[in-house]
């Protein structure tokens, strides 16, 4: 592996900082219901999807319409990111990320909490980093009053009026391998 020049290393650090800020700006724009702000965060052909298939918007207009629809059900919300795992390849204008996060929302007259991951693909567009694809995974999405009992249940997605399987960790190969070895 060739070592990076000082200039390339500095650029990589700047890219990491910009990508971390992109993720933070997303949470603020969603919680503020700032559609113009959300629009500025995605590439024109960007996508926002969920692992369970409930959300599947391709292209900026579809992404914004999907958020409008979501906001009709979600009243107040608070999204906060935790850890960012970023990876870069040969293309200096492309990157990938895995983000761990939580959300607190008021949905259809109920307080809900969610633990989630975003699997992101980023692309530099017009000189700034944007989401090219954002895939949302849920560890749980539960009414607050069901948290203590629901966390241990594999049917931890309960925001839509039914009980659905969680997107992870049970579906992960590492989780299955661990379970099979114990």
C-alpha atoms as a PDB file:
ATOM      1  CA  UNK A   1       0.000   0.000   0.000  1.00  0.00           C
ATOM      2  CA  UNK A   2       1.407   3.343  -0.982  1.00  0.00           C
ATOM      3  CA  UNK A   3       1.589   5.968   1.689  1.00  0.00           C
ATOM      4  CA  UNK A   4      -0.494   9.069   1.170  1.00  0.00           C
ATOM      5  CA  UNK A   5       1.043  12.469   0.633  1.00  0.00           C
ATOM      6  CA  UNK A   6       0.542  15.094   3.293  1.00  0.00           C
ATOM      7  CA  UNK A   7      -1.868  16.871   0.964  1.00  0.00           C
ATOM      8  CA  UNK A   8      -3.894  13.696   0.405  1.00  0.00           C
ATOM      9  CA  UNK A   9      -3.968  12.962   4.148  1.00  0.00           C
ATOM     10  CA  UNK A  10      -5.165  16.488   4.871  1.00  0.00           C
ATOM     11  CA  UNK A  11      -7.864  16.118   2.197  1.00  0.00           C
ATOM     12  CA  UNK A  12      -8.984  12.822   3.755  1.00  0.00           C
ATOM     13  CA  UNK A  13      -9.279  14.478   7.190  1.00  0.00           C
ATOM     14  CA  UNK A  14     -11.269  17.331   5.674  1.00  0.00           C
ATOM     15  CA  UNK A  15     -13.514  14.820   3.902  1.00  0.00           C
ATOM     16  CA  UNK A  16     -14.126  12.978   7.191  1.00  0.00           C
ATOM     17  CA  UNK A  17     -15.079  16.235   8.921  1.00  0.00           C
ATOM     18  CA  UNK A  18     -17.423  17.230   6.087  1.00  0.00           C
ATOM     19  CA  UNK A  19     -19.104  13.821   6.083  1.00  0.00           C
ATOM     20  CA  UNK A  20     -19.615  13.927   9.841  1.00  0.00           C
ATOM     21  CA  UNK A  21     -21.199  17.357   9.450  1.00  0.00           C
ATOM     22  CA  UNK A  22     -23.397  16.083   6.595  1.00  0.00           C
ATOM     23  CA  UNK A  23     -24.833  13.438   8.923  1.00  0.00           C
ATOM     24  CA  UNK A  24     -25.423  16.035  11.659  1.00  0.00           C
ATOM     25  CA  UNK A  25     -27.084  18.443   9.212  1.00  0.00           C
ATOM     26  CA  UNK A  26     -29.411  15.638   8.133  1.00  0.00           C
ATOM     27  CA  UNK A  27     -30.677  15.116  11.707  1.00  0.00           C
ATOM     28  CA  UNK A  28     -31.239  18.835  12.235  1.00  0.00           C
ATOM     29  CA  UNK A  29     -32.993  19.290   8.871  1.00  0.00           C
ATOM     30  CA  UNK A  30     -35.316  16.330   9.519  1.00  0.00           C
ATOM     31  CA  UNK A  31     -36.182  17.492  13.041  1.00  0.00           C
ATOM     32  CA  UNK A  32     -36.710  21.074  11.814  1.00  0.00           C
ATOM     33  CA  UNK A  33     -38.876  19.860   8.889  1.00  0.00           C
ATOM     34  CA  UNK A  34     -36.524  21.825   6.623  1.00  0.00           C
ATOM     35  CA  UNK A  35     -37.241  20.397   3.169  1.00  0.00           C
ATOM     36  CA  UNK A  36     -34.852  22.848   1.482  1.00  0.00           C
ATOM     37  CA  UNK A  37     -32.164  21.724   3.900  1.00  0.00           C
ATOM     38  CA  UNK A  38     -32.902  18.057   3.201  1.00  0.00           C
ATOM     39  CA  UNK A  39     -32.810  18.772  -0.524  1.00  0.00           C
ATOM     40  CA  UNK A  40     -29.313  20.245  -0.211  1.00  0.00           C
ATOM     41  CA  UNK A  41     -28.021  17.043   1.408  1.00  0.00           C
ATOM     42  CA  UNK A  42     -28.794  14.594  -1.425  1.00  0.00           C
ATOM     43  CA  UNK A  43     -27.445  14.237  -4.938  1.00  0.00           C
ATOM     44  CA  UNK A  44     -30.048  14.816  -7.693  1.00  0.00           C
ATOM     45  CA  UNK A  45     -30.276  11.040  -8.216  1.00  0.00           C
ATOM     46  CA  UNK A  46     -30.008  10.275  -4.499  1.00  0.00           C
ATOM     47  CA  UNK A  47     -32.042   7.617  -2.743  1.00  0.00           C
ATOM     48  CA  UNK A  48     -33.500   7.152   0.733  1.00  0.00           C
ATOM     49  CA  UNK A  49     -34.622   3.650   1.590  1.00  0.00           C
ATOM     50  CA  UNK A  50     -35.385   1.465   4.581  1.00  0.00           C
ATOM     51  CA  UNK A  51     -34.309  -2.149   4.988  1.00  0.00           C
ATOM     52  CA  UNK A  52     -37.929  -3.182   5.656  1.00  0.00           C
ATOM     53  CA  UNK A  53     -39.026  -1.665   2.317  1.00  0.00           C
ATOM     54  CA  UNK A  54     -41.458   0.836   3.865  1.00  0.00           C
ATOM     55  CA  UNK A  55     -39.373   3.664   2.403  1.00  0.00           C
ATOM     56  CA  UNK A  56     -37.929   3.418  -1.096  1.00  0.00           C
ATOM     57  CA  UNK A  57     -37.442   6.797  -2.777  1.00  0.00           C
ATOM     58  CA  UNK A  58     -35.159   7.132  -5.791  1.00  0.00           C
ATOM     59  CA  UNK A  59     -34.291  10.614  -7.046  1.00  0.00           C
ATOM     60  CA  UNK A  60     -34.421  13.901  -5.176  1.00  0.00           C
ATOM     61  CA  UNK A  61     -38.080  14.697  -5.955  1.00  0.00           C
ATOM     62  CA  UNK A  62     -39.154  11.265  -4.689  1.00  0.00           C
ATOM     63  CA  UNK A  63     -36.953  11.611  -1.588  1.00  0.00           C
ATOM     64  CA  UNK A  64     -38.572  14.953  -0.723  1.00  0.00           C
ATOM     65  CA  UNK A  65     -42.086  13.598  -1.326  1.00  0.00           C
ATOM     66  CA  UNK A  66     -41.300  10.640   0.918  1.00  0.00           C
ATOM     67  CA  UNK A  67     -40.209  13.028   3.690  1.00  0.00           C
ATOM     68  CA  UNK A  68     -43.399  15.081   3.238  1.00  0.00           C
ATOM     69  CA  UNK A  69     -45.414  11.876   3.696  1.00  0.00           C
ATOM     70  CA  UNK A  70     -43.369  10.868   6.748  1.00  0.00           C
ATOM     71  CA  UNK A  71     -43.819  14.277   8.336  1.00  0.00           C
ATOM     72  CA  UNK A  72     -47.608  13.901   8.130  1.00  0.00           C
ATOM     73  CA  UNK A  73     -47.375  10.988  10.598  1.00  0.00           C
ATOM     74  CA  UNK A  74     -44.345  12.212  12.570  1.00  0.00           C
ATOM     75  CA  UNK A  75     -44.896  15.299  14.618  1.00  0.00           C
ATOM     76  CA  UNK A  76     -42.021  16.344  16.871  1.00  0.00           C
ATOM     77  CA  UNK A  77     -38.835  14.304  16.529  1.00  0.00           C
ATOM     78  CA  UNK A  78     -35.248  14.276  17.690  1.00  0.00           C
ATOM     79  CA  UNK A  79     -32.596  12.345  15.778  1.00  0.00           C
ATOM     80  CA  UNK A  80     -29.071  12.000  17.118  1.00  0.00           C
ATOM     81  CA  UNK A  81     -26.067  10.219  15.641  1.00  0.00           C
ATOM     82  CA  UNK A  82     -23.495   8.305  17.597  1.00  0.00           C
ATOM     83  CA  UNK A  83     -20.621   6.666  15.771  1.00  0.00           C
ATOM     84  CA  UNK A  84     -19.485   7.110  12.177  1.00  0.00           C
ATOM     85  CA  UNK A  85     -17.500   4.454  10.389  1.00  0.00           C
ATOM     86  CA  UNK A  86     -16.278   5.880   7.107  1.00  0.00           C
ATOM     87  CA  UNK A  87     -14.479   4.153   4.271  1.00  0.00           C
ATOM     88  CA  UNK A  88     -12.850   5.506   1.143  1.00  0.00           C
ATOM     89  CA  UNK A  89     -11.785   3.799  -2.062  1.00  0.00           C
ATOM     90  CA  UNK A  90      -9.816   4.885  -5.096  1.00  0.00           C
ATOM     91  CA  UNK A  91     -12.382   7.492  -6.201  1.00  0.00           C
ATOM     92  CA  UNK A  92     -11.693  10.688  -4.225  1.00  0.00           C
ATOM     93  CA  UNK A  93     -15.296  11.807  -4.752  1.00  0.00           C
ATOM     94  CA  UNK A  94     -16.964   8.709  -3.304  1.00  0.00           C
ATOM     95  CA  UNK A  95     -17.170   7.229   0.186  1.00  0.00           C
ATOM     96  CA  UNK A  96     -19.301   4.907   2.279  1.00  0.00           C
ATOM     97  CA  UNK A  97     -20.414   5.067   5.869  1.00  0.00           C
ATOM     98  CA  UNK A  98     -22.161   3.213   8.631  1.00  0.00           C
ATOM     99  CA  UNK A  99     -23.830   5.469  11.192  1.00  0.00           C
ATOM    100  CA  UNK A 100     -25.322   4.358  14.512  1.00  0.00           C
ATOM    101  CA  UNK A 101     -28.137   6.548  15.798  1.00  0.00           C
ATOM    102  CA  UNK A 102     -31.257   6.928  17.918  1.00  0.00           C
ATOM    103  CA  UNK A 103     -34.502   8.764  17.351  1.00  0.00           C
ATOM    104  CA  UNK A 104     -37.327   9.930  19.564  1.00  0.00           C
ATOM    105  CA  UNK A 105     -40.560  10.687  17.729  1.00  0.00           C
ATOM    106  CA  UNK A 106     -44.196  11.470  18.239  1.00  0.00           C
ATOM    107  CA  UNK A 107     -45.986   9.337  15.646  1.00  0.00           C
ATOM    108  CA  UNK A 108     -49.734   9.078  15.279  1.00  0.00           C
ATOM    109  CA  UNK A 109     -50.382  10.224  18.849  1.00  0.00           C
ATOM    110  CA  UNK A 110     -47.708   8.037  20.500  1.00  0.00           C
ATOM    111  CA  UNK A 111     -44.189   8.548  21.797  1.00  0.00           C
ATOM    112  CA  UNK A 112     -41.764   6.135  20.109  1.00  0.00           C
ATOM    113  CA  UNK A 113     -38.056   5.495  20.343  1.00  0.00           C
ATOM    114  CA  UNK A 114     -35.839   3.883  17.777  1.00  0.00           C
ATOM    115  CA  UNK A 115     -32.305   2.561  17.576  1.00  0.00           C
ATOM    116  CA  UNK A 116     -31.058   2.539  14.045  1.00  0.00           C
ATOM    117  CA  UNK A 117     -28.219   2.378  11.614  1.00  0.00           C
ATOM    118  CA  UNK A 118     -27.769   4.228   8.380  1.00  0.00           C
ATOM    119  CA  UNK A 119     -25.784   2.519   5.649  1.00  0.00           C
ATOM    120  CA  UNK A 120     -24.670   5.441   3.488  1.00  0.00           C
ATOM    121  CA  UNK A 121     -23.092   5.987   0.118  1.00  0.00           C
ATOM    122  CA  UNK A 122     -21.697   9.491  -0.354  1.00  0.00           C
ATOM    123  CA  UNK A 123     -20.694  11.358  -3.467  1.00  0.00           C
ATOM    124  CA  UNK A 124     -19.108  14.742  -3.888  1.00  0.00           C
ATOM    125  CA  UNK A 125     -21.546  16.841  -5.926  1.00  0.00           C
ATOM    126  CA  UNK A 126     -20.743  20.370  -7.020  1.00  0.00           C
ATOM    127  CA  UNK A 127     -17.817  20.494  -4.628  1.00  0.00           C
ATOM    128  CA  UNK A 128     -19.565  19.197  -1.478  1.00  0.00           C
ATOM    129  CA  UNK A 129     -20.376  15.833   0.004  1.00  0.00           C
ATOM    130  CA  UNK A 130     -23.964  14.606  -0.360  1.00  0.00           C
ATOM    131  CA  UNK A 131     -25.919  11.427   0.219  1.00  0.00           C
ATOM    132  CA  UNK A 132     -26.093   9.319  -2.928  1.00  0.00           C
ATOM    133  CA  UNK A 133     -27.930   6.563  -1.043  1.00  0.00           C
ATOM    134  CA  UNK A 134     -29.139   6.241   2.530  1.00  0.00           C
ATOM    135  CA  UNK A 135     -30.428   2.888   3.793  1.00  0.00           C
ATOM    136  CA  UNK A 136     -32.134   2.871   7.205  1.00  0.00           C
ATOM    137  CA  UNK A 137     -32.035  -0.241   9.437  1.00  0.00           C
ATOM    138  CA  UNK A 138     -33.917  -0.603  12.735  1.00  0.00           C
ATOM    139  CA  UNK A 139     -32.724  -2.452  15.829  1.00  0.00           C
ATOM    140  CA  UNK A 140     -36.027  -1.395  17.368  1.00  0.00           C
ATOM    141  CA  UNK A 141     -38.796   1.124  16.781  1.00  0.00           C
ATOM    142  CA  UNK A 142     -41.034   0.868  19.831  1.00  0.00           C
ATOM    143  CA  UNK A 143     -43.665   2.801  21.728  1.00  0.00           C
ATOM    144  CA  UNK A 144     -41.967   4.106  24.851  1.00  0.00           C
ATOM    145  CA  UNK A 145     -44.243   2.143  27.158  1.00  0.00           C
ATOM    146  CA  UNK A 146     -43.274  -1.128  25.388  1.00  0.00           C
ATOM    147  CA  UNK A 147     -39.507  -0.591  25.518  1.00  0.00           C
ATOM    148  CA  UNK A 148     -38.739  -2.744  28.590  1.00  0.00           C
ATOM    149  CA  UNK A 149     -40.591  -5.775  27.227  1.00  0.00           C
ATOM    150  CA  UNK A 150     -40.035  -5.140  23.532  1.00  0.00           C
ATOM    151  CA  UNK A 151     -36.265  -4.849  23.471  1.00  0.00           C
ATOM    152  CA  UNK A 152     -35.853  -8.613  23.986  1.00  0.00           C
ATOM    153  CA  UNK A 153     -38.483  -9.551  21.404  1.00  0.00           C
ATOM    154  CA  UNK A 154     -37.366 -10.229  17.803  1.00  0.00           C
ATOM    155  CA  UNK A 155     -40.534  -8.379  16.686  1.00  0.00           C
ATOM    156  CA  UNK A 156     -39.157  -4.990  17.741  1.00  0.00           C
ATOM    157  CA  UNK A 157     -40.562  -2.828  14.965  1.00  0.00           C
ATOM    158  CA  UNK A 158     -43.924  -1.642  16.229  1.00  0.00           C
ATOM    159  CA  UNK A 159     -44.356   1.826  14.784  1.00  0.00           C
ATOM    160  CA  UNK A 160     -46.827   0.801  12.078  1.00  0.00           C
ATOM    161  CA  UNK A 161     -49.544  -0.734  14.220  1.00  0.00           C
ATOM    162  CA  UNK A 162     -48.229  -4.293  14.020  1.00  0.00           C
ATOM    163  CA  UNK A 163     -45.191  -6.254  15.182  1.00  0.00           C
ATOM    164  CA  UNK A 164     -42.440  -6.743  12.610  1.00  0.00           C
ATOM    165  CA  UNK A 165     -39.009  -8.336  12.802  1.00  0.00           C
ATOM    166  CA  UNK A 166     -36.107  -6.052  13.560  1.00  0.00           C
ATOM    167  CA  UNK A 167     -33.701  -5.404  10.691  1.00  0.00           C
ATOM    168  CA  UNK A 168     -30.699  -6.354  12.812  1.00  0.00           C
ATOM    169  CA  UNK A 169     -28.797  -7.920  14.522  1.00  0.00           C
ATOM    170  CA  UNK A 170     -30.470 -11.311  13.996  1.00  0.00           C
ATOM    171  CA  UNK A 171     -30.121 -11.029  10.208  1.00  0.00           C
ATOM    172  CA  UNK A 172     -26.383 -10.336  10.292  1.00  0.00           C
ATOM    173  CA  UNK A 173     -24.044 -13.202   9.328  1.00  0.00           C
ATOM    174  CA  UNK A 174     -21.826 -12.512  12.356  1.00  0.00           C
ATOM    175  CA  UNK A 175     -24.833 -12.726  14.673  1.00  0.00           C
ATOM    176  CA  UNK A 176     -26.001 -15.985  13.091  1.00  0.00           C
ATOM    177  CA  UNK A 177     -22.506 -17.472  13.247  1.00  0.00           C
ATOM    178  CA  UNK A 178     -22.187 -16.542  16.918  1.00  0.00           C
ATOM    179  CA  UNK A 179     -25.616 -18.010  17.680  1.00  0.00           C
ATOM    180  CA  UNK A 180     -24.766 -21.240  15.837  1.00  0.00           C
ATOM    181  CA  UNK A 181     -21.493 -21.607  17.789  1.00  0.00           C
ATOM    182  CA  UNK A 182     -23.071 -21.199  21.207  1.00  0.00           C
END
